[in-house]
Protein backbone atom coordinates (compact mmCIF):
# COMPACT_ATOMS: atom_id res chain seq x y z
CA UNK A 1 42.33 154.98 81.95
CA UNK A 2 39.28 157.12 81.06
CA UNK A 3 39.59 160.89 81.23
CA UNK A 4 37.32 161.90 84.12
CA UNK A 5 37.85 165.64 83.92
CA UNK A 6 34.87 167.98 83.89
CA UNK A 7 35.82 169.66 80.62
CA UNK A 8 36.00 166.29 78.87
CA UNK A 9 32.78 164.82 80.21
CA UNK A 10 30.66 168.00 79.98
CA UNK A 11 32.18 169.89 77.03
CA UNK A 12 31.34 173.46 76.13
CA UNK A 13 29.31 172.16 73.16
CA UNK A 14 26.79 170.49 75.48
CA UNK A 15 23.28 171.99 75.10
CA UNK A 16 22.53 174.44 77.88
CA UNK A 17 19.44 172.59 79.10
CA UNK A 18 21.50 169.42 79.58
CA UNK A 19 24.70 171.00 80.90
CA UNK A 20 22.73 172.82 83.60
CA UNK A 21 21.49 169.51 85.00
CA UNK A 22 24.84 167.78 84.60
CA UNK A 23 26.73 170.59 86.30
CA UNK A 24 24.42 170.68 89.30
CA UNK A 25 24.82 166.89 89.60
CA UNK A 26 28.60 167.18 89.20
CA UNK A 27 28.77 169.81 91.96
CA UNK A 28 26.34 167.87 94.18
CA UNK A 29 24.11 170.94 94.33
CA UNK A 30 20.88 169.23 95.38
CA UNK A 31 18.94 172.43 96.06
CA UNK A 32 19.45 173.67 92.50
CA UNK A 33 19.13 170.26 90.88
CA UNK A 34 15.90 169.08 92.48
CA UNK A 35 13.54 171.60 90.80
CA UNK A 36 14.94 170.64 87.39
CA UNK A 37 13.99 166.98 87.89
CA UNK A 38 10.23 167.61 87.96
CA UNK A 39 9.95 166.92 84.22
CA UNK A 40 9.98 163.17 83.36
CA UNK A 41 13.23 162.14 81.72
CA UNK A 42 15.45 164.88 83.06
CA UNK A 43 17.07 162.61 85.62
CA UNK A 44 18.50 160.51 82.79
CA UNK A 45 19.50 163.09 80.18
CA UNK A 46 22.74 162.36 78.34
CA UNK A 47 25.43 164.62 77.00
CA UNK A 48 25.25 164.06 73.21
CA UNK A 49 28.93 163.24 72.65
CA UNK A 50 30.11 161.70 75.92
CA UNK A 51 26.89 160.01 77.05
CA UNK A 52 27.35 161.54 80.51
CA UNK A 53 24.21 161.28 82.63
CA UNK A 54 23.54 163.08 85.92
CA UNK A 55 24.35 159.82 87.74
CA UNK A 56 27.68 159.50 85.94
CA UNK A 57 28.49 163.13 86.74
CA UNK A 58 27.55 162.92 90.43
CA UNK A 59 29.71 159.82 90.92
CA UNK A 60 32.61 160.73 88.63
CA UNK A 61 33.19 164.10 90.29
CA UNK A 62 33.92 162.35 93.61
CA UNK A 63 37.20 161.10 92.19
CA UNK A 64 38.97 157.94 93.37
CA UNK A 65 38.43 156.75 96.92
CA UNK A 66 41.81 156.78 98.63
CA UNK A 67 43.14 155.67 101.99
CA UNK A 68 45.76 157.09 104.27
CA UNK A 69 46.65 160.53 105.51
CA UNK A 70 48.79 161.95 102.71
CA UNK A 71 48.30 165.46 101.34
CA UNK A 72 46.27 164.32 98.33
CA UNK A 73 43.86 162.42 100.55
CA UNK A 74 43.48 165.40 102.88
CA UNK A 75 42.69 167.61 99.91
CA UNK A 76 40.02 165.18 98.66
CA UNK A 77 38.44 165.03 102.12
CA UNK A 78 38.02 168.80 102.03
CA UNK A 79 36.78 169.13 98.46
CA UNK A 80 34.50 166.09 98.12
CA UNK A 81 31.45 165.64 100.33
CA UNK A 82 30.44 161.99 99.83
CA UNK A 83 27.26 162.51 101.83
CA UNK A 84 26.24 165.29 99.44
CA UNK A 85 27.01 163.00 96.51
CA UNK A 86 24.87 160.25 98.04
CA UNK A 87 21.98 162.66 98.51
CA UNK A 88 22.16 163.69 94.84
CA UNK A 89 22.39 160.07 93.64
CA UNK A 90 19.43 159.13 95.82
CA UNK A 91 17.35 162.01 94.45
CA UNK A 92 18.25 161.06 90.88
CA UNK A 93 17.09 157.49 91.43
CA UNK A 94 13.86 158.71 93.02
CA UNK A 95 13.35 160.91 89.96
CA UNK A 96 13.73 158.02 87.52
CA UNK A 97 17.45 157.99 86.69
CA UNK A 98 18.43 154.84 84.81
CA UNK A 99 20.93 152.69 86.69
CA UNK A 100 22.53 151.02 83.67
CA UNK A 101 22.89 153.75 81.06
CA UNK A 102 26.31 153.53 79.41
CA UNK A 103 28.51 156.47 78.51
CA UNK A 104 31.05 156.84 75.70
CA UNK A 105 33.52 154.73 77.72
CA UNK A 106 30.96 151.89 77.86
CA UNK A 107 30.63 152.43 81.60
CA UNK A 108 27.46 152.52 83.66
CA UNK A 109 27.34 154.79 86.72
CA UNK A 110 28.03 151.68 88.80
CA UNK A 111 31.05 150.87 86.65
CA UNK A 112 32.42 154.35 87.32
CA UNK A 113 31.83 153.95 91.07
CA UNK A 114 33.56 150.56 91.08
CA UNK A 115 36.56 151.87 89.13
CA UNK A 116 36.92 154.82 91.49
CA UNK A 117 36.54 152.61 94.57
CA UNK A 118 33.45 154.53 95.74
CA UNK A 119 31.87 151.54 97.48
CA UNK A 120 28.87 153.31 99.02
CA UNK A 121 27.87 154.88 95.72
CA UNK A 122 28.42 151.55 93.98
CA UNK A 123 26.09 149.82 96.42
CA UNK A 124 23.44 152.45 95.73
CA UNK A 125 23.67 151.60 92.01
CA UNK A 126 23.38 147.87 92.74
CA UNK A 127 20.33 148.50 94.92
CA UNK A 128 18.68 150.59 92.22
CA UNK A 129 19.43 147.94 89.62
CA UNK A 130 17.95 145.23 91.80
CA UNK A 131 14.74 147.22 92.31
CA UNK A 132 14.45 147.92 88.58
CA UNK A 133 14.93 144.27 87.64
CA UNK A 134 12.42 143.09 90.25
CA UNK A 135 9.89 145.64 89.00
CA UNK A 136 10.46 144.53 85.43
CA UNK A 137 9.88 140.93 86.48
CA UNK A 138 6.56 141.90 88.04
CA UNK A 139 5.44 143.96 85.04
CA UNK A 140 6.46 141.21 82.65
CA UNK A 141 4.04 138.87 84.40
CA UNK A 142 0.99 140.93 83.59
CA UNK A 143 -0.99 140.45 80.39
CA UNK A 144 -3.04 143.13 78.68
CA UNK A 145 -6.78 142.64 79.11
CA UNK A 146 -8.68 142.01 75.91
CA UNK A 147 -11.41 144.48 74.99
CA UNK A 148 -14.43 144.00 72.77
CA UNK A 149 -14.75 145.56 69.34
CA UNK A 150 -16.75 148.52 70.62
CA UNK A 151 -14.06 149.35 73.18
CA UNK A 152 -11.38 149.06 70.50
CA UNK A 153 -13.23 151.40 68.17
CA UNK A 154 -13.75 153.90 70.98
CA UNK A 155 -10.09 153.64 71.92
CA UNK A 156 -9.08 154.18 68.30
CA UNK A 157 -11.18 157.33 68.01
CA UNK A 158 -9.95 158.69 71.33
CA UNK A 159 -6.41 157.63 70.52
CA UNK A 160 -6.42 159.42 67.18
CA UNK A 161 -7.74 162.58 68.81
CA UNK A 162 -5.18 162.29 71.58
CA UNK A 163 -2.37 161.79 69.07
CA UNK A 164 -3.37 164.92 67.20
CA UNK A 165 -3.58 166.86 70.45
CA UNK A 166 -0.20 165.50 71.53
CA UNK A 167 1.34 166.60 68.25
CA UNK A 168 0.04 170.12 68.74
CA UNK A 169 1.35 170.14 72.32
CA UNK A 170 4.79 169.09 71.09
CA UNK A 171 4.82 171.98 68.63
CA UNK A 172 4.09 174.42 71.43
CA UNK A 173 6.39 172.82 74.01
CA UNK A 174 9.46 174.83 75.08
CA UNK A 175 12.71 173.55 73.62
CA UNK A 176 14.29 173.04 77.04
CA UNK A 177 11.70 170.46 78.12
CA UNK A 178 13.47 167.11 77.92
CA UNK A 179 11.39 163.94 77.82
CA UNK A 180 12.56 160.35 78.15
CA UNK A 181 12.64 158.80 74.66
CA UNK A 182 13.28 155.19 75.69
CA UNK A 183 12.24 154.52 79.30
CA UNK A 184 12.33 150.72 78.80
CA UNK A 185 16.13 150.78 78.63
CA UNK A 186 16.06 151.00 82.42
CA UNK A 187 15.22 147.30 82.52
CA UNK A 188 17.85 145.94 80.17
CA UNK A 189 21.42 145.37 81.39
CA UNK A 190 23.92 146.69 78.84
CA UNK A 191 25.24 144.03 76.50
CA UNK A 192 28.68 143.79 74.93
CA UNK A 193 27.73 143.13 71.33
CA UNK A 194 24.74 141.34 69.89
CA UNK A 195 22.76 138.85 71.93
CA UNK A 196 21.70 135.44 70.63
CA UNK A 197 18.17 134.15 71.04
CA UNK A 198 17.44 130.51 71.79
CA UNK A 199 15.68 130.02 68.46
CA UNK A 200 18.59 131.51 66.50
CA UNK A 201 21.08 129.38 68.43
CA UNK A 202 19.21 126.15 67.71
CA UNK A 203 19.29 127.00 63.98
CA UNK A 204 22.99 127.89 64.00
CA UNK A 205 25.86 125.72 62.81
CA UNK A 206 28.30 124.83 65.59
CA UNK A 207 32.01 124.13 65.51
CA UNK A 208 34.13 122.26 68.08
CA UNK A 209 37.66 123.60 67.82
CA UNK A 210 40.66 124.55 70.01
CA UNK A 211 38.87 124.02 73.31
CA UNK A 212 35.86 126.02 72.18
CA UNK A 213 32.32 125.46 70.99
CA UNK A 214 31.21 128.38 68.80
CA UNK A 215 28.27 129.07 66.52
CA UNK A 216 28.48 130.30 62.94
CA UNK A 217 28.60 133.91 64.15
CA UNK A 218 31.62 133.02 66.35
CA UNK A 219 29.66 133.45 69.57
CA UNK A 220 31.26 131.40 72.33
CA UNK A 221 28.73 128.75 73.37
CA UNK A 222 31.13 127.01 75.74
CA UNK A 223 34.86 127.19 76.31
CA UNK A 224 37.54 125.14 78.02
CA UNK A 225 38.46 127.98 80.42
CA UNK A 226 35.19 127.18 82.24
CA UNK A 227 36.58 123.78 83.34
CA UNK A 228 37.72 125.01 86.77
CA UNK A 229 34.26 126.42 87.44
CA UNK A 230 32.69 123.12 86.39
CA UNK A 231 35.07 121.25 88.68
CA UNK A 232 34.08 123.41 91.63
CA UNK A 233 30.41 123.05 90.71
CA UNK A 234 30.57 119.24 90.72
CA UNK A 235 32.40 119.28 94.06
CA UNK A 236 29.64 121.50 95.49
CA UNK A 237 26.77 119.48 94.01
CA UNK A 238 28.21 116.16 95.17
CA UNK A 239 30.13 116.81 98.41
CA UNK A 240 32.77 114.11 98.76
CA UNK A 241 31.93 112.82 95.25
CA UNK A 242 30.00 109.74 96.43
CA UNK A 243 29.05 107.07 93.91
CA UNK A 244 25.47 106.07 93.19
CA UNK A 245 23.86 109.52 93.03
CA UNK A 246 21.07 110.53 90.64
CA UNK A 247 22.11 113.40 88.37
CA UNK A 248 20.32 115.66 85.87
CA UNK A 249 22.27 118.06 83.66
CA UNK A 250 20.59 120.47 81.26
CA UNK A 251 22.90 121.55 78.43
CA UNK A 252 25.63 119.14 77.28
CA UNK A 253 27.76 121.56 75.25
CA UNK A 254 31.34 120.27 75.30
CA UNK A 255 30.51 117.60 77.86
CA UNK A 256 32.89 119.04 80.45
CA UNK A 257 30.67 118.76 83.50
CA UNK A 258 29.01 115.52 82.34
CA UNK A 259 32.42 113.87 82.12
CA UNK A 260 33.03 114.84 85.73
CA UNK A 261 29.59 113.57 86.73
CA UNK A 262 30.21 110.30 84.87
CA UNK A 263 33.46 109.73 86.76
CA UNK A 264 31.52 109.59 90.06
CA UNK A 265 29.70 106.46 88.82
CA UNK A 266 26.14 107.73 89.32
CA UNK A 267 23.19 105.37 89.57
CA UNK A 268 21.23 107.66 87.27
CA UNK A 269 22.64 110.22 84.84
CA UNK A 270 20.22 112.11 82.61
CA UNK A 271 21.27 114.80 80.15
CA UNK A 272 19.01 117.16 78.19
CA UNK A 273 20.41 118.68 75.00
CA UNK A 274 18.45 120.60 72.37
CA UNK A 275 20.94 121.45 69.62
CA UNK A 276 20.91 118.92 66.74
CA UNK A 277 24.62 119.39 65.98
CA UNK A 278 25.61 118.74 69.59
CA UNK A 279 23.52 115.58 69.49
CA UNK A 280 25.21 114.59 66.23
CA UNK A 281 28.62 115.21 67.82
CA UNK A 282 27.68 112.90 70.69
CA UNK A 283 26.72 110.14 68.27
CA UNK A 284 29.59 110.41 65.78
CA UNK A 285 32.66 111.85 67.51
CA UNK A 286 35.27 109.34 68.66
CA UNK A 287 36.26 111.81 71.39
CA UNK A 288 32.81 111.82 72.95
CA UNK A 289 32.04 109.02 75.41
CA UNK A 290 28.31 109.66 75.80
CA UNK A 291 26.82 107.83 72.83
CA UNK A 292 24.76 104.64 72.63
CA UNK A 293 27.44 102.54 74.35
CA UNK A 294 27.34 104.81 77.38
CA UNK A 295 23.55 104.63 77.53
CA UNK A 296 23.53 100.83 77.23
CA UNK A 297 26.10 100.41 80.01
CA UNK A 298 23.94 102.01 82.68
CA UNK A 299 23.08 100.03 85.84
CA UNK A 300 19.46 99.76 84.62
CA UNK A 301 17.51 100.50 81.47
CA UNK A 302 17.14 104.23 81.05
CA UNK A 303 19.54 105.01 83.89
CA UNK A 304 22.00 106.70 81.54
CA UNK A 305 20.30 108.73 78.83
CA UNK A 306 20.59 111.85 76.68
CA UNK A 307 17.14 113.33 76.14
CA UNK A 308 17.04 115.13 72.79
CA UNK A 309 14.95 118.30 72.84
CA UNK A 310 14.36 121.55 74.64
CA UNK A 311 14.24 121.22 78.40
CA UNK A 312 10.86 122.95 78.43
CA UNK A 313 9.50 119.89 76.60
CA UNK A 314 11.55 117.15 78.28
CA UNK A 315 11.35 118.15 81.96
CA UNK A 316 7.54 117.85 82.25
CA UNK A 317 7.86 114.27 80.97
CA UNK A 318 10.48 113.49 83.61
CA UNK A 319 8.10 114.82 86.24
CA UNK A 320 5.30 112.62 84.90
CA UNK A 321 7.62 109.64 85.18
CA UNK A 322 8.34 110.47 88.83
CA UNK A 323 12.06 111.13 88.38
CA UNK A 324 13.93 112.56 91.37
CA UNK A 325 17.55 113.72 91.49
CA UNK A 326 20.27 114.28 94.06
CA UNK A 327 22.11 116.83 91.89
CA UNK A 328 20.75 119.11 89.15
CA UNK A 329 22.83 121.45 86.99
CA UNK A 330 21.54 124.02 84.48
CA UNK A 331 23.65 125.61 81.75
CA UNK A 332 21.84 126.56 78.55
CA UNK A 333 22.76 129.02 75.80
CA UNK A 334 20.68 131.76 74.20
CA UNK A 335 18.05 131.84 76.95
CA UNK A 336 17.33 134.83 79.14
CA UNK A 337 17.08 134.91 82.90
CA UNK A 338 13.31 134.38 82.72
CA UNK A 339 13.85 130.80 81.54
CA UNK A 340 16.26 129.99 84.37
CA UNK A 341 13.81 131.50 86.84
CA UNK A 342 10.97 129.44 85.41
CA UNK A 343 13.08 126.29 85.77
CA UNK A 344 13.98 126.78 89.43
CA UNK A 345 10.55 128.14 90.33
CA UNK A 346 8.34 125.56 88.63
CA UNK A 347 10.49 122.45 88.33
CA UNK A 348 13.44 122.27 90.73
CA UNK A 349 11.30 121.89 93.89
CA UNK A 350 9.57 118.88 92.28
CA UNK A 351 12.69 117.28 90.74
CA UNK A 352 15.12 117.70 93.64
CA UNK A 353 14.98 114.99 96.27
CA UNK A 354 15.39 115.78 99.95
CA UNK A 355 19.01 116.65 100.64
CA UNK A 356 19.69 117.26 96.94
CA UNK A 357 21.56 120.28 95.54
CA UNK A 358 20.84 122.44 92.50
CA UNK A 359 23.31 124.66 90.70
CA UNK A 360 23.68 126.61 87.47
CA UNK A 361 26.38 128.36 85.48
CA UNK A 362 26.23 131.83 86.97
CA UNK A 363 27.14 134.01 84.01
CA UNK A 364 24.24 136.44 84.41
CA UNK A 365 25.44 139.94 83.52
CA UNK A 366 29.06 138.79 83.66
CA UNK A 367 30.29 141.32 81.10
CA UNK A 368 30.41 143.92 83.90
CA UNK A 369 30.60 143.76 87.69
CA UNK A 370 27.58 145.93 88.51
CA UNK A 371 25.22 143.81 86.39
CA UNK A 372 26.66 140.61 87.86
CA UNK A 373 26.10 141.88 91.39
CA UNK A 374 22.57 143.01 90.56
CA UNK A 375 21.60 139.63 89.15
CA UNK A 376 23.20 137.81 92.08
CA UNK A 377 20.86 139.66 94.44
CA UNK A 378 17.83 139.26 92.15
CA UNK A 379 18.41 135.50 91.84
CA UNK A 380 18.75 135.20 95.60
CA UNK A 381 15.39 136.89 96.15
CA UNK A 382 13.61 134.82 93.50
CA UNK A 383 15.05 131.58 94.86
CA UNK A 384 13.81 132.45 98.32
CA UNK A 385 10.34 133.14 96.90
CA UNK A 386 10.46 129.68 95.28
CA UNK A 387 11.18 127.98 98.61
CA UNK A 388 14.88 127.43 97.99
CA UNK A 389 17.92 128.27 100.11
CA UNK A 390 21.12 129.52 98.50
CA UNK A 391 24.73 129.86 99.56
CA UNK A 392 27.38 131.54 97.42
CA UNK A 393 30.89 130.18 97.14
CA UNK A 394 33.18 132.89 95.76
CA UNK A 395 35.86 131.56 93.43
CA UNK A 396 38.90 133.28 91.97
CA UNK A 397 38.92 133.28 88.17
CA UNK A 398 42.32 133.08 86.53
CA UNK A 399 42.14 136.06 84.17
CA UNK A 400 45.34 135.19 82.31
CA UNK A 401 44.17 134.81 78.74
CA UNK A 402 40.72 136.23 79.54
CA UNK A 403 41.50 139.90 80.00
CA UNK A 404 41.49 141.23 76.46
CA UNK A 405 38.91 141.10 73.69
CA UNK A 406 39.96 138.95 70.72
CA UNK A 407 43.15 137.69 72.37
CA UNK A 408 44.16 134.71 74.48
CA UNK A 409 41.17 132.50 75.19
CA UNK A 410 38.98 134.92 73.23
CA UNK A 411 40.88 134.58 69.99
CA UNK A 412 38.39 133.64 67.29
CA UNK A 413 35.43 134.43 69.56
CA UNK A 414 33.08 137.29 68.73
CA UNK A 415 32.96 138.79 72.22
CA UNK A 416 34.18 137.95 75.68
CA UNK A 417 31.17 137.05 77.76
CA UNK A 418 33.20 137.00 80.98
CA UNK A 419 35.22 139.94 82.34
CA UNK A 420 35.33 139.34 86.10
CA UNK A 421 38.03 137.96 88.39
CA UNK A 422 35.47 136.49 90.83
CA UNK A 423 32.79 133.86 90.24
CA UNK A 424 29.81 133.45 92.55
CA UNK A 425 29.05 129.73 92.59
CA UNK A 426 25.45 129.00 93.69
CA UNK A 427 24.70 126.10 96.05
CA UNK A 428 20.91 125.72 96.22
CA UNK A 429 18.86 123.41 98.40
CA UNK A 430 15.22 122.97 99.40
CA UNK A 431 14.19 125.08 102.39
CA UNK A 432 13.97 123.19 105.65
């Protein structure tokens, strides 16, 4: 259990300009804190050794939320004013505090609130995260306007002069003025370990072993523990598991969900897979039942097919051919949320037939609860904007074997990409 004491989180060695802000936040002293936040960056200063931010301090000092009428609870009721804490947290967010900064315990402010059971403060962190992610999505859609050569030359001259002036200003600036050095970190959920890009993944060597599919860096691409989630996803996509449905799955991986789809005897079953080694596994492995024989045994030519290539290249061709589906599932690796959003915004409404259902593996931000909850809300808003309805089916995740890095299911895997005991299963349909 982390040490949440004041002397540990804001040690005596903390620079005075930072400790002043942290202490006012810790004590929920809004009147004294507010004037200090007028300088950009001060709302997200960090203690150099503990990584404590004003948000961490304001939430941590509330202590654990308790229930009942015992003496300890009565004491907390007297000493902790949650409304004062909320006012400080709100002011910090308005002043630019970063919702997902991590401290030396690898906790965001929301993680601290969740651990302490401070639900109202936790919800404030989720709301701030949702607003930040939505803003980032809007800003990411803009492109810089091109300027002509004359404008560029003028900008260069002005820029050089401004840079020199800025340098002089920095020399004269008081030491206690704290500026934000990396404001863009506000829009990036914290990651546990290195992330893998799509391009790097497609170049990587893959290994099927012990109920796992891993790349040559031992990143878990797909794992057998996901089977229960896949089972629930198929049941949601095909209520009653009727035969004769038209199915599209993007991302074959270990073939877990496609095996379940196959068992329903669909009239059309299309799979898109981009990784050459997965495609090779399909063709050569005796354990895989999705090779040429499977394709040739479809009810009609082309009814059963694995499309080799990136979905961004294959899906437009399916649209040109007029394909429609009753169930669509999306589970790729190495792609960011922007790619999933593009898929359900630009393609799902055209591919999904009336009464059809779309789903995806909902692992967005699943290395910590606050990020998972933020992305759940962001996805819901973006789906609505795309003309899609969504329902969430909350599932219990059996955490036996999943709870500790490098052990149990995670043995031989670089990092555990799932840490939560609840899974939010999306059930998405066309509006109306």
